Structure formats: C-alpha cells, structure tokens
C-alpha cells in the first residue's frame, strides 16, 4: 500500500491576508487533448502536476491526489489521473483566489509549528541557541512552484543553480552558458536536503520551496562559508552569497 505525506509549506512575503478581500481565478484552458492524454506524449507526472497546480484542495484530497507529486504519481494509475483531469473540467473544480490565500496562511502556520516542535527536541544548551538565532538568509520567489510538493529532511532533491558574490561574480553553476536545460543537456545537482551536505542557507531555503519553484536566495556568511570563506572556489572570508536556485525534482 502506498502512503503519501500531506505536506504543504511556502514562503509568503508580501501577501495581504485581509479576510474581506476576495478574488477569483479564471478556469484554466485544457493543456492536453484526449489523444495526448492517452498517448506516451503526456506522462502521469505532467497530468498530476497540472491538477495539483489548478484543482481545489478538496477535489485533490477526495481523490487522494494531495501530497508529494513523485509518490502519488507512482501509486496512481494513469487512467485514474485522466479521469480526475476530465472530472475537474466537467465540474469546474478549480482553486479560487480565496482558497489560495487560505492555503498560504495554513502553510505558514504549519512551518511555524514544525520549527517549534523540532526546537523542543534539542538538548537544552542547543535549544536556547536555536531559539535565539534568527534566519541568516532571505528568499525571493522568481517563479512559483506547484505549491503542494515540498521536500522533507532526508529527501533527495535535484536543483539547477548559479552562485554569485554580491558584485555579480559567478563562482559556481551547473548551467552551461546558453543552455535552455532541454532534455539531454545540463543535469541537476542532487543531494539529500537537511543533512548538512550543503551550506546551511541552502538546506534551510530549499525546505521552503515547492517543486518547480525558482528563487533567489541571499545567504549571510554565518550560514554560508563563514570567516574562512572558500579560497578554492574564490569565495572570500565573510562573504554574503547570492544563489539562483530552481527545484526540479524530489525523490
């Protein structure tokens, strides 16, 4: 039996949550024809990603399609996803602007609760330090993700990235000059997130990103390479670093 994690979290700087404000989203146009749906041209993940981006939360939960994209796609037959896709259009079961705002508020509350619980589990000296420590990075979303599939600590994530100093000097990237990241071109960097495999600013920032999201993450020295820097990568001591990161997979 397949299990999915009902996780949803996202950074929401700049939103106005006034309860009386309402807005509606236009119904999306069908991106696939019936012929494409029943061919190998469209994958299960592509159908599911469209549903998670556009269908209402109730619609997704009722059909057990709300959660980690990769896990659900693995557990669900393509015929069932096609049926859900067609039902969504037939019943107009798409997100409203108000529902989007409610999901954003719930996501922030969920992240806050998780951070509080993880802090309680720390040993006493570490806990007091953790509680007093403010985040040492800022994040600006450049392109929204699907808003429902977020990595958890220990998941293997795949990312395209470009690392820069504050003067714009690029010190590292896995994107070739002029690359459009088409199939067969550049390969994403893959690692287990939240396990200290990368600098802390990356670990913390990626846990707030949903699949497909692209963000600019500016990391202070304390959560980057600190006082020593990284001479082999031409990163000076006490350097603030700027990364453009795109989360393309979660396994």
C-alpha atoms as a PDB file:
ATOM      1  CA  UNK A   1       0.000   0.000   0.000  1.00  0.00           C
ATOM      2  CA  UNK A   2       1.342   3.391  -0.979  1.00  0.00           C
ATOM      3  CA  UNK A   3       1.484   6.230   1.537  1.00  0.00           C
ATOM      4  CA  UNK A   4       1.837   9.940   0.830  1.00  0.00           C
ATOM      5  CA  UNK A   5       2.900  12.823   3.041  1.00  0.00           C
ATOM      6  CA  UNK A   6       0.343  15.599   3.269  1.00  0.00           C
ATOM      7  CA  UNK A   7       2.872  18.400   3.477  1.00  0.00           C
ATOM      8  CA  UNK A   8       2.411  21.965   2.317  1.00  0.00           C
ATOM      9  CA  UNK A   9       4.608  24.962   3.102  1.00  0.00           C
ATOM     10  CA  UNK A  10       5.659  28.116   1.267  1.00  0.00           C
ATOM     11  CA  UNK A  11       7.327  31.447   1.892  1.00  0.00           C
ATOM     12  CA  UNK A  12       4.674  34.209   1.635  1.00  0.00           C
ATOM     13  CA  UNK A  13       6.450  37.572   1.992  1.00  0.00           C
ATOM     14  CA  UNK A  14       4.428  40.466   0.633  1.00  0.00           C
ATOM     15  CA  UNK A  15       0.923  38.936   0.791  1.00  0.00           C
ATOM     16  CA  UNK A  16      -2.113  40.815   2.098  1.00  0.00           C
ATOM     17  CA  UNK A  17      -4.300  38.433   4.081  1.00  0.00           C
ATOM     18  CA  UNK A  18      -7.305  40.748   4.649  1.00  0.00           C
ATOM     19  CA  UNK A  19     -10.245  38.384   5.137  1.00  0.00           C
ATOM     20  CA  UNK A  20     -12.767  40.508   3.297  1.00  0.00           C
ATOM     21  CA  UNK A  21     -10.768  40.718   0.098  1.00  0.00           C
ATOM     22  CA  UNK A  22     -11.929  38.163  -2.495  1.00  0.00           C
ATOM     23  CA  UNK A  23     -10.735  37.366  -5.972  1.00  0.00           C
ATOM     24  CA  UNK A  24     -11.453  34.537  -8.374  1.00  0.00           C
ATOM     25  CA  UNK A  25      -9.176  32.650 -10.696  1.00  0.00           C
ATOM     26  CA  UNK A  26     -10.164  32.108 -14.289  1.00  0.00           C
ATOM     27  CA  UNK A  27     -10.740  28.467 -15.227  1.00  0.00           C
ATOM     28  CA  UNK A  28      -7.541  27.186 -16.900  1.00  0.00           C
ATOM     29  CA  UNK A  29      -7.615  26.044 -20.507  1.00  0.00           C
ATOM     30  CA  UNK A  30      -7.097  22.298 -21.042  1.00  0.00           C
ATOM     31  CA  UNK A  31      -3.374  21.877 -21.788  1.00  0.00           C
ATOM     32  CA  UNK A  32      -3.761  18.360 -23.231  1.00  0.00           C
ATOM     33  CA  UNK A  33      -6.044  16.845 -25.878  1.00  0.00           C
ATOM     34  CA  UNK A  34      -7.739  13.468 -25.300  1.00  0.00           C
ATOM     35  CA  UNK A  35      -5.372  11.956 -27.846  1.00  0.00           C
ATOM     36  CA  UNK A  36      -2.325  13.303 -25.992  1.00  0.00           C
ATOM     37  CA  UNK A  37      -3.663  12.095 -22.631  1.00  0.00           C
ATOM     38  CA  UNK A  38      -3.955   8.526 -23.873  1.00  0.00           C
ATOM     39  CA  UNK A  39      -0.554   8.534 -25.570  1.00  0.00           C
ATOM     40  CA  UNK A  40       3.003   8.388 -24.249  1.00  0.00           C
ATOM     41  CA  UNK A  41       3.363  12.080 -25.099  1.00  0.00           C
ATOM     42  CA  UNK A  42       1.911  13.083 -21.697  1.00  0.00           C
ATOM     43  CA  UNK A  43       3.199  11.406 -18.526  1.00  0.00           C
ATOM     44  CA  UNK A  44       1.393  10.698 -15.259  1.00  0.00           C
ATOM     45  CA  UNK A  45       3.521  13.323 -13.521  1.00  0.00           C
ATOM     46  CA  UNK A  46       2.505  16.007 -16.051  1.00  0.00           C
ATOM     47  CA  UNK A  47      -1.205  15.297 -15.530  1.00  0.00           C
ATOM     48  CA  UNK A  48      -0.811  15.218 -11.748  1.00  0.00           C
ATOM     49  CA  UNK A  49       1.279  18.404 -11.708  1.00  0.00           C
ATOM     50  CA  UNK A  50      -1.452  20.260 -13.633  1.00  0.00           C
ATOM     51  CA  UNK A  51      -4.111  19.016 -11.186  1.00  0.00           C
ATOM     52  CA  UNK A  52      -2.066  19.977  -8.122  1.00  0.00           C
ATOM     53  CA  UNK A  53      -1.463  23.468  -9.518  1.00  0.00           C
ATOM     54  CA  UNK A  54      -5.072  24.170 -10.523  1.00  0.00           C
ATOM     55  CA  UNK A  55      -7.598  21.838  -8.840  1.00  0.00           C
ATOM     56  CA  UNK A  56      -9.159  22.713  -5.480  1.00  0.00           C
ATOM     57  CA  UNK A  57      -7.710  21.191  -2.323  1.00  0.00           C
ATOM     58  CA  UNK A  58     -10.984  19.371  -1.574  1.00  0.00           C
ATOM     59  CA  UNK A  59     -11.001  17.846  -5.061  1.00  0.00           C
ATOM     60  CA  UNK A  60      -7.396  16.636  -4.608  1.00  0.00           C
ATOM     61  CA  UNK A  61      -7.937  15.297  -1.079  1.00  0.00           C
ATOM     62  CA  UNK A  62     -11.147  13.463  -2.052  1.00  0.00           C
ATOM     63  CA  UNK A  63      -9.201  11.626  -4.762  1.00  0.00           C
ATOM     64  CA  UNK A  64      -6.008  11.146  -2.698  1.00  0.00           C
ATOM     65  CA  UNK A  65      -4.033  13.351  -5.084  1.00  0.00           C
ATOM     66  CA  UNK A  66      -2.852  15.896  -2.494  1.00  0.00           C
ATOM     67  CA  UNK A  67       0.733  15.421  -1.331  1.00  0.00           C
ATOM     68  CA  UNK A  68       4.175  14.633  -2.707  1.00  0.00           C
ATOM     69  CA  UNK A  69       3.972  14.541  -6.509  1.00  0.00           C
ATOM     70  CA  UNK A  70       6.503  11.741  -7.082  1.00  0.00           C
ATOM     71  CA  UNK A  71       4.901   9.406  -4.514  1.00  0.00           C
ATOM     72  CA  UNK A  72       1.348   9.950  -5.754  1.00  0.00           C
ATOM     73  CA  UNK A  73       2.337   9.530  -9.413  1.00  0.00           C
ATOM     74  CA  UNK A  74       3.998   6.227  -8.543  1.00  0.00           C
ATOM     75  CA  UNK A  75       0.896   4.946  -6.706  1.00  0.00           C
ATOM     76  CA  UNK A  76      -1.793   6.102  -9.139  1.00  0.00           C
ATOM     77  CA  UNK A  77      -2.792   4.580 -12.473  1.00  0.00           C
ATOM     78  CA  UNK A  78      -2.721   6.873 -15.489  1.00  0.00           C
ATOM     79  CA  UNK A  79      -6.356   6.050 -16.317  1.00  0.00           C
ATOM     80  CA  UNK A  80      -7.375   7.301 -12.855  1.00  0.00           C
ATOM     81  CA  UNK A  81      -5.438  10.547 -13.372  1.00  0.00           C
ATOM     82  CA  UNK A  82      -7.046  11.058 -16.766  1.00  0.00           C
ATOM     83  CA  UNK A  83     -10.480  10.510 -15.195  1.00  0.00           C
ATOM     84  CA  UNK A  84      -9.685  13.056 -12.460  1.00  0.00           C
ATOM     85  CA  UNK A  85      -8.424  15.545 -15.068  1.00  0.00           C
ATOM     86  CA  UNK A  86     -11.650  15.221 -17.090  1.00  0.00           C
ATOM     87  CA  UNK A  87     -13.822  15.447 -13.951  1.00  0.00           C
ATOM     88  CA  UNK A  88     -12.037  18.629 -12.836  1.00  0.00           C
ATOM     89  CA  UNK A  89     -13.045  20.361 -16.068  1.00  0.00           C
ATOM     90  CA  UNK A  90     -16.539  18.858 -16.107  1.00  0.00           C
ATOM     91  CA  UNK A  91     -17.281  20.033 -12.550  1.00  0.00           C
ATOM     92  CA  UNK A  92     -15.113  23.194 -12.666  1.00  0.00           C
ATOM     93  CA  UNK A  93     -13.316  22.024  -9.523  1.00  0.00           C
ATOM     94  CA  UNK A  94     -10.551  24.621  -9.646  1.00  0.00           C
ATOM     95  CA  UNK A  95      -8.935  26.786  -6.980  1.00  0.00           C
ATOM     96  CA  UNK A  96     -10.370  30.166  -6.111  1.00  0.00           C
ATOM     97  CA  UNK A  97      -8.277  33.135  -5.107  1.00  0.00           C
ATOM     98  CA  UNK A  98      -9.656  32.903  -1.563  1.00  0.00           C
ATOM     99  CA  UNK A  99      -8.631  29.255  -1.285  1.00  0.00           C
ATOM    100  CA  UNK A 100      -5.110  30.100  -2.441  1.00  0.00           C
ATOM    101  CA  UNK A 101      -4.810  32.658   0.351  1.00  0.00           C
ATOM    102  CA  UNK A 102      -6.134  30.203   2.942  1.00  0.00           C
ATOM    103  CA  UNK A 103      -3.539  27.628   1.806  1.00  0.00           C
ATOM    104  CA  UNK A 104      -0.775  30.204   2.133  1.00  0.00           C
ATOM    105  CA  UNK A 105      -1.842  31.066   5.697  1.00  0.00           C
ATOM    106  CA  UNK A 106      -2.104  27.371   6.629  1.00  0.00           C
ATOM    107  CA  UNK A 107       1.332  26.675   5.109  1.00  0.00           C
ATOM    108  CA  UNK A 108       2.995  29.382   7.193  1.00  0.00           C
ATOM    109  CA  UNK A 109       1.274  28.115  10.360  1.00  0.00           C
ATOM    110  CA  UNK A 110       2.400  24.557   9.615  1.00  0.00           C
ATOM    111  CA  UNK A 111       6.030  25.564   9.119  1.00  0.00           C
ATOM    112  CA  UNK A 112       5.975  27.592  12.345  1.00  0.00           C
ATOM    113  CA  UNK A 113       4.584  24.618  14.272  1.00  0.00           C
ATOM    114  CA  UNK A 114       7.219  22.245  12.854  1.00  0.00           C
ATOM    115  CA  UNK A 115      10.062  24.585  13.735  1.00  0.00           C
ATOM    116  CA  UNK A 116       8.699  24.898  17.279  1.00  0.00           C
ATOM    117  CA  UNK A 117       8.460  21.106  17.675  1.00  0.00           C
ATOM    118  CA  UNK A 118      11.969  20.494  16.342  1.00  0.00           C
ATOM    119  CA  UNK A 119      13.314  23.136  18.751  1.00  0.00           C
ATOM    120  CA  UNK A 120      11.755  21.356  21.743  1.00  0.00           C
ATOM    121  CA  UNK A 121      13.587  18.148  20.805  1.00  0.00           C
ATOM    122  CA  UNK A 122      17.018  19.817  21.008  1.00  0.00           C
ATOM    123  CA  UNK A 123      19.191  19.418  24.094  1.00  0.00           C
ATOM    124  CA  UNK A 124      18.825  22.344  26.481  1.00  0.00           C
ATOM    125  CA  UNK A 125      22.008  24.281  25.504  1.00  0.00           C
ATOM    126  CA  UNK A 126      21.365  23.770  21.793  1.00  0.00           C
ATOM    127  CA  UNK A 127      17.679  24.667  22.176  1.00  0.00           C
ATOM    128  CA  UNK A 128      18.297  28.070  23.726  1.00  0.00           C
ATOM    129  CA  UNK A 129      20.812  28.874  20.984  1.00  0.00           C
ATOM    130  CA  UNK A 130      18.355  27.724  18.302  1.00  0.00           C
ATOM    131  CA  UNK A 131      15.501  29.780  19.699  1.00  0.00           C
ATOM    132  CA  UNK A 132      17.654  32.930  19.811  1.00  0.00           C
ATOM    133  CA  UNK A 133      19.057  32.513  16.304  1.00  0.00           C
ATOM    134  CA  UNK A 134      17.317  34.389  13.501  1.00  0.00           C
ATOM    135  CA  UNK A 135      17.390  33.083   9.907  1.00  0.00           C
ATOM    136  CA  UNK A 136      20.575  34.075   8.090  1.00  0.00           C
ATOM    137  CA  UNK A 137      19.102  34.163   4.616  1.00  0.00           C
ATOM    138  CA  UNK A 138      16.391  35.867   2.598  1.00  0.00           C
ATOM    139  CA  UNK A 139      14.434  34.388  -0.292  1.00  0.00           C
ATOM    140  CA  UNK A 140      12.650  35.996  -3.214  1.00  0.00           C
ATOM    141  CA  UNK A 141      10.487  33.802  -5.425  1.00  0.00           C
ATOM    142  CA  UNK A 142      11.268  34.289  -9.117  1.00  0.00           C
ATOM    143  CA  UNK A 143       8.880  31.600 -10.391  1.00  0.00           C
ATOM    144  CA  UNK A 144       6.176  29.857  -8.365  1.00  0.00           C
ATOM    145  CA  UNK A 145       6.241  26.098  -7.892  1.00  0.00           C
ATOM    146  CA  UNK A 146       3.227  23.802  -7.699  1.00  0.00           C
ATOM    147  CA  UNK A 147       2.577  24.904  -4.112  1.00  0.00           C
ATOM    148  CA  UNK A 148       1.913  21.375  -2.797  1.00  0.00           C
ATOM    149  CA  UNK A 149       5.068  19.242  -3.151  1.00  0.00           C
ATOM    150  CA  UNK A 150       7.771  20.284  -0.666  1.00  0.00           C
ATOM    151  CA  UNK A 151      10.939  18.394   0.270  1.00  0.00           C
ATOM    152  CA  UNK A 152      11.354  16.967   3.757  1.00  0.00           C
ATOM    153  CA  UNK A 153      14.647  16.447   5.574  1.00  0.00           C
ATOM    154  CA  UNK A 154      16.368  13.405   4.081  1.00  0.00           C
ATOM    155  CA  UNK A 155      14.671  13.665   0.655  1.00  0.00           C
ATOM    156  CA  UNK A 156      16.918  13.699  -2.395  1.00  0.00           C
ATOM    157  CA  UNK A 157      16.364  16.945  -4.291  1.00  0.00           C
ATOM    158  CA  UNK A 158      17.501  17.958  -7.784  1.00  0.00           C
ATOM    159  CA  UNK A 159      18.440  21.596  -8.448  1.00  0.00           C
ATOM    160  CA  UNK A 160      19.766  23.867 -11.122  1.00  0.00           C
ATOM    161  CA  UNK A 161      21.699  26.743  -9.598  1.00  0.00           C
ATOM    162  CA  UNK A 162      24.012  29.692 -10.106  1.00  0.00           C
ATOM    163  CA  UNK A 163      26.131  31.010  -7.228  1.00  0.00           C
ATOM    164  CA  UNK A 164      27.364  34.608  -7.198  1.00  0.00           C
ATOM    165  CA  UNK A 165      29.173  37.077  -4.994  1.00  0.00           C
ATOM    166  CA  UNK A 166      27.339  40.313  -4.218  1.00  0.00           C
ATOM    167  CA  UNK A 167      29.192  42.052  -7.070  1.00  0.00           C
ATOM    168  CA  UNK A 168      27.701  39.572  -9.540  1.00  0.00           C
ATOM    169  CA  UNK A 169      30.807  37.416  -9.979  1.00  0.00           C
ATOM    170  CA  UNK A 170      29.712  33.830 -10.687  1.00  0.00           C
ATOM    171  CA  UNK A 171      31.765  31.349  -8.661  1.00  0.00           C
ATOM    172  CA  UNK A 172      29.792  28.174  -9.365  1.00  0.00           C
ATOM    173  CA  UNK A 173      26.917  26.918 -11.547  1.00  0.00           C
ATOM    174  CA  UNK A 174      25.658  23.713 -13.141  1.00  0.00           C
ATOM    175  CA  UNK A 175      24.024  25.552 -16.056  1.00  0.00           C
ATOM    176  CA  UNK A 176      26.080  25.829 -19.219  1.00  0.00           C
ATOM    177  CA  UNK A 177      26.244  29.191 -20.971  1.00  0.00           C
ATOM    178  CA  UNK A 178      23.319  29.462 -23.371  1.00  0.00           C
ATOM    179  CA  UNK A 179      21.740  26.236 -22.072  1.00  0.00           C
ATOM    180  CA  UNK A 180      17.955  26.012 -22.114  1.00  0.00           C
ATOM    181  CA  UNK A 181      18.035  22.933 -19.874  1.00  0.00           C
ATOM    182  CA  UNK A 182      16.366  20.760 -22.514  1.00  0.00           C
ATOM    183  CA  UNK A 183      16.368  17.005 -22.116  1.00  0.00           C
ATOM    184  CA  UNK A 184      19.873  15.667 -22.507  1.00  0.00           C
ATOM    185  CA  UNK A 185      21.596  18.942 -21.653  1.00  0.00           C
ATOM    186  CA  UNK A 186      22.659  20.033 -18.150  1.00  0.00           C
ATOM    187  CA  UNK A 187      21.985  17.699 -15.242  1.00  0.00           C
ATOM    188  CA  UNK A 188      20.629  18.921 -11.886  1.00  0.00           C
ATOM    189  CA  UNK A 189      22.697  18.739  -8.720  1.00  0.00           C
ATOM    190  CA  UNK A 190      21.241  16.008  -6.471  1.00  0.00           C
ATOM    191  CA  UNK A 191      21.739  15.613  -2.723  1.00  0.00           C
ATOM    192  CA  UNK A 192      19.883  14.777   0.500  1.00  0.00           C
ATOM    193  CA  UNK A 193      18.435  18.019   1.830  1.00  0.00           C
ATOM    194  CA  UNK A 194      18.583  18.944   5.501  1.00  0.00           C
ATOM    195  CA  UNK A 195      21.503  16.591   6.159  1.00  0.00           C
ATOM    196  CA  UNK A 196      24.385  19.088   6.081  1.00  0.00           C
ATOM    197  CA  UNK A 197      25.504  18.048   2.604  1.00  0.00           C
ATOM    198  CA  UNK A 198      25.454  21.712   1.509  1.00  0.00           C
ATOM    199  CA  UNK A 199      25.756  25.048   3.312  1.00  0.00           C
ATOM    200  CA  UNK A 200      23.018  25.721   5.863  1.00  0.00           C
ATOM    201  CA  UNK A 201      21.450  28.538   3.860  1.00  0.00           C
ATOM    202  CA  UNK A 202      20.734  26.033   1.066  1.00  0.00           C
ATOM    203  CA  UNK A 203      19.380  23.390   3.443  1.00  0.00           C
ATOM    204  CA  UNK A 204      17.008  25.835   5.132  1.00  0.00           C
ATOM    205  CA  UNK A 205      15.947  27.660   1.960  1.00  0.00           C
ATOM    206  CA  UNK A 206      15.164  24.540  -0.088  1.00  0.00           C
ATOM    207  CA  UNK A 207      12.829  23.190   2.592  1.00  0.00           C
ATOM    208  CA  UNK A 208      10.539  26.184   1.890  1.00  0.00           C
ATOM    209  CA  UNK A 209      10.427  25.594  -1.891  1.00  0.00           C
ATOM    210  CA  UNK A 210       7.873  23.541  -3.807  1.00  0.00           C
ATOM    211  CA  UNK A 211       8.744  21.575  -6.928  1.00  0.00           C
ATOM    212  CA  UNK A 212       9.134  23.787  -9.996  1.00  0.00           C
ATOM    213  CA  UNK A 213       9.906  26.858  -7.898  1.00  0.00           C
ATOM    214  CA  UNK A 214      12.799  29.147  -8.792  1.00  0.00           C
ATOM    215  CA  UNK A 215      14.088  31.566  -6.169  1.00  0.00           C
ATOM    216  CA  UNK A 216      16.883  33.980  -5.390  1.00  0.00           C
ATOM    217  CA  UNK A 217      18.419  33.103  -2.018  1.00  0.00           C
ATOM    218  CA  UNK A 218      20.819  35.578  -0.393  1.00  0.00           C
ATOM    219  CA  UNK A 219      22.823  33.897   2.373  1.00  0.00           C
ATOM    220  CA  UNK A 220      24.763  35.676   5.103  1.00  0.00           C
ATOM    221  CA  UNK A 221      28.305  34.438   5.920  1.00  0.00           C
ATOM    222  CA  UNK A 222      27.162  32.617   9.093  1.00  0.00           C
ATOM    223  CA  UNK A 223      25.046  30.215   7.013  1.00  0.00           C
ATOM    224  CA  UNK A 224      27.477  30.156   4.067  1.00  0.00           C
ATOM    225  CA  UNK A 225      31.286  29.709   4.360  1.00  0.00           C
ATOM    226  CA  UNK A 226      31.822  31.978   7.373  1.00  0.00           C
ATOM    227  CA  UNK A 227      35.096  33.558   8.420  1.00  0.00           C
ATOM    228  CA  UNK A 228      37.271  31.165   6.417  1.00  0.00           C
ATOM    229  CA  UNK A 229      35.494  31.538   3.098  1.00  0.00           C
ATOM    230  CA  UNK A 230      36.359  29.016   0.423  1.00  0.00           C
ATOM    231  CA  UNK A 231      39.583  30.002  -1.346  1.00  0.00           C
ATOM    232  CA  UNK A 232      39.472  27.121  -3.851  1.00  0.00           C
ATOM    233  CA  UNK A 233      36.139  28.500  -5.154  1.00  0.00           C
ATOM    234  CA  UNK A 234      37.328  32.123  -4.952  1.00  0.00           C
ATOM    235  CA  UNK A 235      34.884  32.871  -2.122  1.00  0.00           C
ATOM    236  CA  UNK A 236      36.493  35.384   0.258  1.00  0.00           C
ATOM    237  CA  UNK A 237      36.112  35.316   4.069  1.00  0.00           C
ATOM    238  CA  UNK A 238      32.852  36.672   5.497  1.00  0.00           C
ATOM    239  CA  UNK A 239      31.209  36.693   2.068  1.00  0.00           C
ATOM    240  CA  UNK A 240      27.477  37.125   1.571  1.00  0.00           C
ATOM    241  CA  UNK A 241      26.427  34.851  -1.296  1.00  0.00           C
ATOM    242  CA  UNK A 242      23.580  35.076  -3.786  1.00  0.00           C
ATOM    243  CA  UNK A 243      22.132  31.973  -5.420  1.00  0.00           C
ATOM    244  CA  UNK A 244      19.504  31.481  -8.106  1.00  0.00           C
ATOM    245  CA  UNK A 245      18.076  28.025  -7.385  1.00  0.00           C
ATOM    246  CA  UNK A 246      15.415  26.045  -9.245  1.00  0.00           C
ATOM    247  CA  UNK A 247      13.983  22.934  -7.560  1.00  0.00           C
ATOM    248  CA  UNK A 248      13.237  20.424 -10.318  1.00  0.00           C
ATOM    249  CA  UNK A 249      12.827  17.080  -8.514  1.00  0.00           C
ATOM    250  CA  UNK A 250      12.130  15.478  -5.135  1.00  0.00           C
ATOM    251  CA  UNK A 251      12.753  11.767  -4.544  1.00  0.00           C
END
